[in-house]
Amino acid sequence: MVTLLNTSANSIFAGDLVEWTLSYQMAQRGDTKRQRAGPRRIGIQTATVSSPKIIGRALSFAKPGEPIDLLLKQ
């Protein structure tokens, strides 16, 4: 079990499958292109059953920006 920060734009509910994703910091002016400078960050989001990036299952509810408990997949 691990506690992570919900970095997705949506709420994650208990029982949802969770996958990793590369999240990019958006430019201040609202561009959707990734900035060339700065690190890429790994985030989480809800997943489909067939996703190859699944890291575990949510054990608790979390709104965006709140901590969430995950049961890691072996």
PDB file of N, CA and C in Angstrom:
ATOM      1  N   MET A   1       0.848  -1.173   0.000  1.00  0.00           N
ATOM      2  CA  MET A   1       0.000   0.000   0.000  1.00  0.00           C
ATOM      3  C   MET A   1       0.893   1.235   0.000  1.00  0.00           C
ATOM      4  N   VAL A   2       0.438   2.270  -0.675  1.00  0.00           N
ATOM      5  CA  VAL A   2       1.188   3.513  -0.766  1.00  0.00           C
ATOM      6  C   VAL A   2       0.197   4.676  -0.805  1.00  0.00           C
ATOM      7  N   THR A   3       0.617   5.828  -0.300  1.00  0.00           N
ATOM      8  CA  THR A   3      -0.195   7.037  -0.365  1.00  0.00           C
ATOM      9  C   THR A   3       0.443   7.986  -1.361  1.00  0.00           C
ATOM     10  N   LEU A   4      -0.345   8.407  -2.363  1.00  0.00           N
ATOM     11  CA  LEU A   4       0.117   9.318  -3.409  1.00  0.00           C
ATOM     12  C   LEU A   4      -0.792  10.527  -3.485  1.00  0.00           C
ATOM     13  N   LEU A   5      -0.364  11.519  -4.216  1.00  0.00           N
ATOM     14  CA  LEU A   5      -1.167  12.701  -4.461  1.00  0.00           C
ATOM     15  C   LEU A   5      -1.945  12.494  -5.759  1.00  0.00           C
ATOM     16  N   ASN A   6      -3.247  12.779  -5.744  1.00  0.00           N
ATOM     17  CA  ASN A   6      -4.072  12.667  -6.942  1.00  0.00           C
ATOM     18  C   ASN A   6      -3.721  13.830  -7.864  1.00  0.00           C
ATOM     19  N   THR A   7      -2.921  13.554  -8.890  1.00  0.00           N
ATOM     20  CA  THR A   7      -2.480  14.591  -9.815  1.00  0.00           C
ATOM     21  C   THR A   7      -3.370  14.688 -11.046  1.00  0.00           C
ATOM     22  N   SER A   8      -4.427  13.896 -11.093  1.00  0.00           N
ATOM     23  CA  SER A   8      -5.327  13.947 -12.251  1.00  0.00           C
ATOM     24  C   SER A   8      -6.281  15.121 -12.131  1.00  0.00           C
ATOM     25  N   ALA A   9      -7.002  15.382 -13.199  1.00  0.00           N
ATOM     26  CA  ALA A   9      -7.975  16.475 -13.202  1.00  0.00           C
ATOM     27  C   ALA A   9      -9.327  16.021 -12.678  1.00  0.00           C
ATOM     28  N   ASN A  10      -9.488  14.727 -12.410  1.00  0.00           N
ATOM     29  CA  ASN A  10     -10.763  14.164 -11.964  1.00  0.00           C
ATOM     30  C   ASN A  10     -10.628  13.508 -10.601  1.00  0.00           C
ATOM     31  N   SER A  11     -11.752  13.300  -9.943  1.00  0.00           N
ATOM     32  CA  SER A  11     -11.763  12.567  -8.686  1.00  0.00           C
ATOM     33  C   SER A  11     -11.517  11.092  -8.961  1.00  0.00           C
ATOM     34  N   ILE A  12     -10.852  10.436  -8.017  1.00  0.00           N
ATOM     35  CA  ILE A  12     -10.632   8.991  -8.099  1.00  0.00           C
ATOM     36  C   ILE A  12     -11.405   8.361  -6.959  1.00  0.00           C
ATOM     37  N   PHE A  13     -12.175   7.333  -7.268  1.00  0.00           N
ATOM     38  CA  PHE A  13     -13.027   6.673  -6.288  1.00  0.00           C
ATOM     39  C   PHE A  13     -12.418   5.353  -5.847  1.00  0.00           C
ATOM     40  N   ALA A  14     -12.791   4.888  -4.657  1.00  0.00           N
ATOM     41  CA  ALA A  14     -12.313   3.609  -4.147  1.00  0.00           C
ATOM     42  C   ALA A  14     -12.706   2.507  -5.129  1.00  0.00           C
ATOM     43  N   GLY A  15     -11.756   1.650  -5.455  1.00  0.00           N
ATOM     44  CA  GLY A  15     -11.995   0.557  -6.389  1.00  0.00           C
ATOM     45  C   GLY A  15     -11.575   0.859  -7.811  1.00  0.00           C
ATOM     46  N   ASP A  16     -11.322   2.125  -8.140  1.00  0.00           N
ATOM     47  CA  ASP A  16     -10.878   2.474  -9.494  1.00  0.00           C
ATOM     48  C   ASP A  16      -9.470   1.955  -9.748  1.00  0.00           C
ATOM     49  N   LEU A  17      -9.229   1.508 -10.981  1.00  0.00           N
ATOM     50  CA  LEU A  17      -7.867   1.171 -11.390  1.00  0.00           C
ATOM     51  C   LEU A  17      -7.131   2.472 -11.659  1.00  0.00           C
ATOM     52  N   VAL A  18      -5.849   2.499 -11.302  1.00  0.00           N
ATOM     53  CA  VAL A  18      -5.047   3.716 -11.439  1.00  0.00           C
ATOM     54  C   VAL A  18      -3.826   3.399 -12.292  1.00  0.00           C
ATOM     55  N   GLU A  19      -3.495   4.311 -13.223  1.00  0.00           N
ATOM     56  CA  GLU A  19      -2.329   4.146 -14.075  1.00  0.00           C
ATOM     57  C   GLU A  19      -1.420   5.362 -13.960  1.00  0.00           C
ATOM     58  N   TRP A  20      -0.150   5.168 -14.316  1.00  0.00           N
ATOM     59  CA  TRP A  20       0.779   6.288 -14.336  1.00  0.00           C
ATOM     60  C   TRP A  20       0.655   6.989 -15.676  1.00  0.00           C
ATOM     61  N   THR A  21       1.009   8.254 -15.703  1.00  0.00           N
ATOM     62  CA  THR A  21       1.005   9.043 -16.923  1.00  0.00           C
ATOM     63  C   THR A  21       2.052  10.133 -16.801  1.00  0.00           C
ATOM     64  N   LEU A  22       2.586  10.557 -17.932  1.00  0.00           N
ATOM     65  CA  LEU A  22       3.498  11.691 -17.913  1.00  0.00           C
ATOM     66  C   LEU A  22       2.662  12.951 -17.931  1.00  0.00           C
ATOM     67  N   SER A  23       2.825  13.786 -16.921  1.00  0.00           N
ATOM     68  CA  SER A  23       2.076  15.039 -16.879  1.00  0.00           C
ATOM     69  C   SER A  23       3.049  16.170 -17.126  1.00  0.00           C
ATOM     70  N   TYR A  24       2.658  17.083 -17.971  1.00  0.00           N
ATOM     71  CA  TYR A  24       3.504  18.193 -18.355  1.00  0.00           C
ATOM     72  C   TYR A  24       2.979  19.463 -17.721  1.00  0.00           C
ATOM     73  N   GLN A  25       3.889  20.329 -17.307  1.00  0.00           N
ATOM     74  CA  GLN A  25       3.465  21.623 -16.802  1.00  0.00           C
ATOM     75  C   GLN A  25       3.132  22.500 -17.998  1.00  0.00           C
ATOM     76  N   MET A  26       1.936  23.063 -17.991  1.00  0.00           N
ATOM     77  CA  MET A  26       1.497  23.890 -19.106  1.00  0.00           C
ATOM     78  C   MET A  26       2.070  25.301 -18.971  1.00  0.00           C
ATOM     79  N   ALA A  27       2.255  25.952 -20.090  1.00  0.00           N
ATOM     80  CA  ALA A  27       2.771  27.323 -20.106  1.00  0.00           C
ATOM     81  C   ALA A  27       1.759  28.254 -19.448  1.00  0.00           C
ATOM     82  N   GLN A  28       2.228  29.356 -18.965  1.00  0.00           N
ATOM     83  CA  GLN A  28       1.367  30.314 -18.280  1.00  0.00           C
ATOM     84  C   GLN A  28       0.274  30.866 -19.191  1.00  0.00           C
ATOM     85  N   ARG A  29       0.542  30.969 -20.474  1.00  0.00           N
ATOM     86  CA  ARG A  29      -0.428  31.568 -21.373  1.00  0.00           C
ATOM     87  C   ARG A  29      -1.463  30.567 -21.886  1.00  0.00           C
ATOM     88  N   GLY A  30      -1.448  29.332 -21.418  1.00  0.00           N
ATOM     89  CA  GLY A  30      -2.491  28.370 -21.761  1.00  0.00           C
ATOM     90  C   GLY A  30      -2.187  27.497 -22.962  1.00  0.00           C
ATOM     91  N   ASP A  31      -0.942  27.483 -23.455  1.00  0.00           N
ATOM     92  CA  ASP A  31      -0.592  26.611 -24.575  1.00  0.00           C
ATOM     93  C   ASP A  31      -0.692  25.152 -24.150  1.00  0.00           C
ATOM     94  N   THR A  32      -1.013  24.294 -25.097  1.00  0.00           N
ATOM     95  CA  THR A  32      -1.093  22.867 -24.783  1.00  0.00           C
ATOM     96  C   THR A  32       0.189  22.134 -25.134  1.00  0.00           C
ATOM     97  N   LYS A  33       1.163  22.830 -25.737  1.00  0.00           N
ATOM     98  CA  LYS A  33       2.438  22.206 -26.067  1.00  0.00           C
ATOM     99  C   LYS A  33       3.295  22.130 -24.813  1.00  0.00           C
ATOM    100  N   ARG A  34       4.079  21.047 -24.723  1.00  0.00           N
ATOM    101  CA  ARG A  34       4.980  20.886 -23.592  1.00  0.00           C
ATOM    102  C   ARG A  34       6.151  21.848 -23.727  1.00  0.00           C
ATOM    103  N   GLN A  35       6.539  22.445 -22.611  1.00  0.00           N
ATOM    104  CA  GLN A  35       7.696  23.329 -22.618  1.00  0.00           C
ATOM    105  C   GLN A  35       8.956  22.503 -22.795  1.00  0.00           C
ATOM    106  N   ARG A  36       9.913  23.029 -23.520  1.00  0.00           N
ATOM    107  CA  ARG A  36      11.169  22.314 -23.763  1.00  0.00           C
ATOM    108  C   ARG A  36      12.016  22.217 -22.488  1.00  0.00           C
ATOM    109  N   ALA A  37      11.969  23.245 -21.659  1.00  0.00           N
ATOM    110  CA  ALA A  37      12.761  23.259 -20.436  1.00  0.00           C
ATOM    111  C   ALA A  37      11.947  22.710 -19.269  1.00  0.00           C
ATOM    112  N   GLY A  38      12.624  22.182 -18.288  1.00  0.00           N
ATOM    113  CA  GLY A  38      11.950  21.698 -17.087  1.00  0.00           C
ATOM    114  C   GLY A  38      11.701  20.211 -17.131  1.00  0.00           C
ATOM    115  N   PRO A  39      11.542  19.616 -15.969  1.00  0.00           N
ATOM    116  CA  PRO A  39      11.385  18.156 -15.902  1.00  0.00           C
ATOM    117  C   PRO A  39       9.975  17.706 -16.276  1.00  0.00           C
ATOM    118  N   ARG A  40       9.883  16.500 -16.773  1.00  0.00           N
ATOM    119  CA  ARG A  40       8.592  15.854 -16.947  1.00  0.00           C
ATOM    120  C   ARG A  40       8.237  15.234 -15.605  1.00  0.00           C
ATOM    121  N   ARG A  41       6.980  15.215 -15.284  1.00  0.00           N
ATOM    122  CA  ARG A  41       6.547  14.666 -14.006  1.00  0.00           C
ATOM    123  C   ARG A  41       5.630  13.476 -14.249  1.00  0.00           C
ATOM    124  N   ILE A  42       5.742  12.496 -13.386  1.00  0.00           N
ATOM    125  CA  ILE A  42       4.877  11.326 -13.493  1.00  0.00           C
ATOM    126  C   ILE A  42       3.666  11.571 -12.615  1.00  0.00           C
ATOM    127  N   GLY A  43       2.487  11.428 -13.198  1.00  0.00           N
ATOM    128  CA  GLY A  43       1.240  11.626 -12.488  1.00  0.00           C
ATOM    129  C   GLY A  43       0.410  10.359 -12.515  1.00  0.00           C
ATOM    130  N   ILE A  44      -0.789  10.431 -11.935  1.00  0.00           N
ATOM    131  CA  ILE A  44      -1.693   9.286 -11.946  1.00  0.00           C
ATOM    132  C   ILE A  44      -3.047   9.715 -12.490  1.00  0.00           C
ATOM    133  N   GLN A  45      -3.796   8.743 -12.989  1.00  0.00           N
ATOM    134  CA  GLN A  45      -5.156   8.965 -13.463  1.00  0.00           C
ATOM    135  C   GLN A  45      -5.880   7.625 -13.459  1.00  0.00           C
ATOM    136  N   THR A  46      -7.200   7.654 -13.627  1.00  0.00           N
ATOM    137  CA  THR A  46      -7.954   6.407 -13.689  1.00  0.00           C
ATOM    138  C   THR A  46      -7.618   5.686 -14.983  1.00  0.00           C
ATOM    139  N   ALA A  47      -7.713   4.360 -14.951  1.00  0.00           N
ATOM    140  CA  ALA A  47      -7.304   3.539 -16.082  1.00  0.00           C
ATOM    141  C   ALA A  47      -8.435   2.635 -16.547  1.00  0.00           C
ATOM    142  N   THR A  48      -8.277   2.127 -17.765  1.00  0.00           N
ATOM    143  CA  THR A  48      -9.183   1.092 -18.263  1.00  0.00           C
ATOM    144  C   THR A  48      -8.567  -0.268 -17.937  1.00  0.00           C
ATOM    145  N   VAL A  49      -9.345  -1.294 -18.015  1.00  0.00           N
ATOM    146  CA  VAL A  49      -8.886  -2.641 -17.674  1.00  0.00           C
ATOM    147  C   VAL A  49      -7.748  -3.091 -18.586  1.00  0.00           C
ATOM    148  N   SER A  50      -7.758  -2.672 -19.837  1.00  0.00           N
ATOM    149  CA  SER A  50      -6.765  -3.131 -20.811  1.00  0.00           C
ATOM    150  C   SER A  50      -5.491  -2.276 -20.857  1.00  0.00           C
ATOM    151  N   SER A  51      -5.380  -1.280 -20.019  1.00  0.00           N
ATOM    152  CA  SER A  51      -4.217  -0.390 -20.038  1.00  0.00           C
ATOM    153  C   SER A  51      -2.959  -1.126 -19.578  1.00  0.00           C
ATOM    154  N   PRO A  52      -1.839  -0.950 -20.301  1.00  0.00           N
ATOM    155  CA  PRO A  52      -0.581  -1.581 -19.871  1.00  0.00           C
ATOM    156  C   PRO A  52       0.147  -0.795 -18.779  1.00  0.00           C
ATOM    157  N   LYS A  53      -0.357   0.381 -18.402  1.00  0.00           N
ATOM    158  CA  LYS A  53       0.323   1.246 -17.431  1.00  0.00           C
ATOM    159  C   LYS A  53      -0.312   1.207 -16.039  1.00  0.00           C
ATOM    160  N   ILE A  54      -1.140   0.207 -15.755  1.00  0.00           N
ATOM    161  CA  ILE A  54      -1.815   0.130 -14.453  1.00  0.00           C
ATOM    162  C   ILE A  54      -0.791  -0.112 -13.348  1.00  0.00           C
ATOM    163  N   ILE A  55      -0.897   0.674 -12.272  1.00  0.00           N
ATOM    164  CA  ILE A  55       0.014   0.508 -11.141  1.00  0.00           C
ATOM    165  C   ILE A  55      -0.693  -0.019  -9.895  1.00  0.00           C
ATOM    166  N   GLY A  56      -2.026   0.028  -9.875  1.00  0.00           N
ATOM    167  CA  GLY A  56      -2.736  -0.472  -8.702  1.00  0.00           C
ATOM    168  C   GLY A  56      -4.196  -0.091  -8.685  1.00  0.00           C
ATOM    169  N   ARG A  57      -4.816  -0.288  -7.508  1.00  0.00           N
ATOM    170  CA  ARG A  57      -6.238  -0.019  -7.313  1.00  0.00           C
ATOM    171  C   ARG A  57      -6.400   0.943  -6.151  1.00  0.00           C
ATOM    172  N   ALA A  58      -7.292   1.922  -6.322  1.00  0.00           N
ATOM    173  CA  ALA A  58      -7.533   2.923  -5.282  1.00  0.00           C
ATOM    174  C   ALA A  58      -8.269   2.291  -4.098  1.00  0.00           C
ATOM    175  N   LEU A  59      -7.825   2.625  -2.900  1.00  0.00           N
ATOM    176  CA  LEU A  59      -8.471   2.139  -1.683  1.00  0.00           C
ATOM    177  C   LEU A  59      -9.321   3.209  -1.022  1.00  0.00           C
ATOM    178  N   SER A  60      -9.180   4.450  -1.468  1.00  0.00           N
ATOM    179  CA  SER A  60      -9.931   5.550  -0.874  1.00  0.00           C
ATOM    180  C   SER A  60     -10.338   6.542  -1.962  1.00  0.00           C
ATOM    181  N   PHE A  61     -11.166   7.503  -1.584  1.00  0.00           N
ATOM    182  CA  PHE A  61     -11.623   8.553  -2.494  1.00  0.00           C
ATOM    183  C   PHE A  61     -10.709   9.761  -2.379  1.00  0.00           C
ATOM    184  N   ALA A  62     -10.439  10.425  -3.502  1.00  0.00           N
ATOM    185  CA  ALA A  62      -9.643  11.653  -3.462  1.00  0.00           C
ATOM    186  C   ALA A  62     -10.038  12.581  -4.601  1.00  0.00           C
ATOM    187  N   LYS A  63     -10.260  13.835  -4.254  1.00  0.00           N
ATOM    188  CA  LYS A  63     -10.460  14.875  -5.265  1.00  0.00           C
ATOM    189  C   LYS A  63      -9.085  15.243  -5.817  1.00  0.00           C
ATOM    190  N   PRO A  64      -9.033  15.966  -6.954  1.00  0.00           N
ATOM    191  CA  PRO A  64      -7.730  16.387  -7.481  1.00  0.00           C
ATOM    192  C   PRO A  64      -6.934  17.181  -6.448  1.00  0.00           C
ATOM    193  N   GLY A  65      -5.671  16.815  -6.278  1.00  0.00           N
ATOM    194  CA  GLY A  65      -4.801  17.500  -5.331  1.00  0.00           C
ATOM    195  C   GLY A  65      -4.807  16.915  -3.934  1.00  0.00           C
ATOM    196  N   GLU A  66      -5.664  15.940  -3.656  1.00  0.00           N
ATOM    197  CA  GLU A  66      -5.726  15.314  -2.331  1.00  0.00           C
ATOM    198  C   GLU A  66      -4.944  14.001  -2.324  1.00  0.00           C
ATOM    199  N   PRO A  67      -4.483  13.567  -1.144  1.00  0.00           N
ATOM    200  CA  PRO A  67      -3.786  12.278  -1.068  1.00  0.00           C
ATOM    201  C   PRO A  67      -4.761  11.116  -1.236  1.00  0.00           C
ATOM    202  N   ILE A  68      -4.255  10.023  -1.809  1.00  0.00           N
ATOM    203  CA  ILE A  68      -5.070   8.833  -2.047  1.00  0.00           C
ATOM    204  C   ILE A  68      -4.251   7.600  -1.695  1.00  0.00           C
ATOM    205  N   ASP A  69      -4.899   6.581  -1.130  1.00  0.00           N
ATOM    206  CA  ASP A  69      -4.251   5.320  -0.812  1.00  0.00           C
ATOM    207  C   ASP A  69      -4.433   4.362  -1.973  1.00  0.00           C
ATOM    208  N   LEU A  70      -3.333   3.725  -2.398  1.00  0.00           N
ATOM    209  CA  LEU A  70      -3.377   2.756  -3.481  1.00  0.00           C
ATOM    210  C   LEU A  70      -2.822   1.418  -3.023  1.00  0.00           C
ATOM    211  N   LEU A  71      -3.411   0.357  -3.517  1.00  0.00           N
ATOM    212  CA  LEU A  71      -2.888  -0.976  -3.338  1.00  0.00           C
ATOM    213  C   LEU A  71      -2.107  -1.281  -4.602  1.00  0.00           C
ATOM    214  N   LEU A  72      -0.774  -1.377  -4.489  1.00  0.00           N
ATOM    215  CA  LEU A  72       0.074  -1.565  -5.659  1.00  0.00           C
ATOM    216  C   LEU A  72      -0.084  -2.956  -6.247  1.00  0.00           C
ATOM    217  N   LYS A  73      -0.008  -3.031  -7.558  1.00  0.00           N
ATOM    218  CA  LYS A  73      -0.076  -4.287  -8.294  1.00  0.00           C
ATOM    219  C   LYS A  73       1.291  -4.956  -8.259  1.00  0.00           C
ATOM    220  N   GLN A  74       1.292  -6.279  -8.161  1.00  0.00           N
ATOM    221  CA  GLN A  74       2.578  -7.000  -8.161  1.00  0.00           C
ATOM    222  C   GLN A  74       3.021  -7.326  -9.552  1.00  0.00           C
TER     223      GLN A  74
END
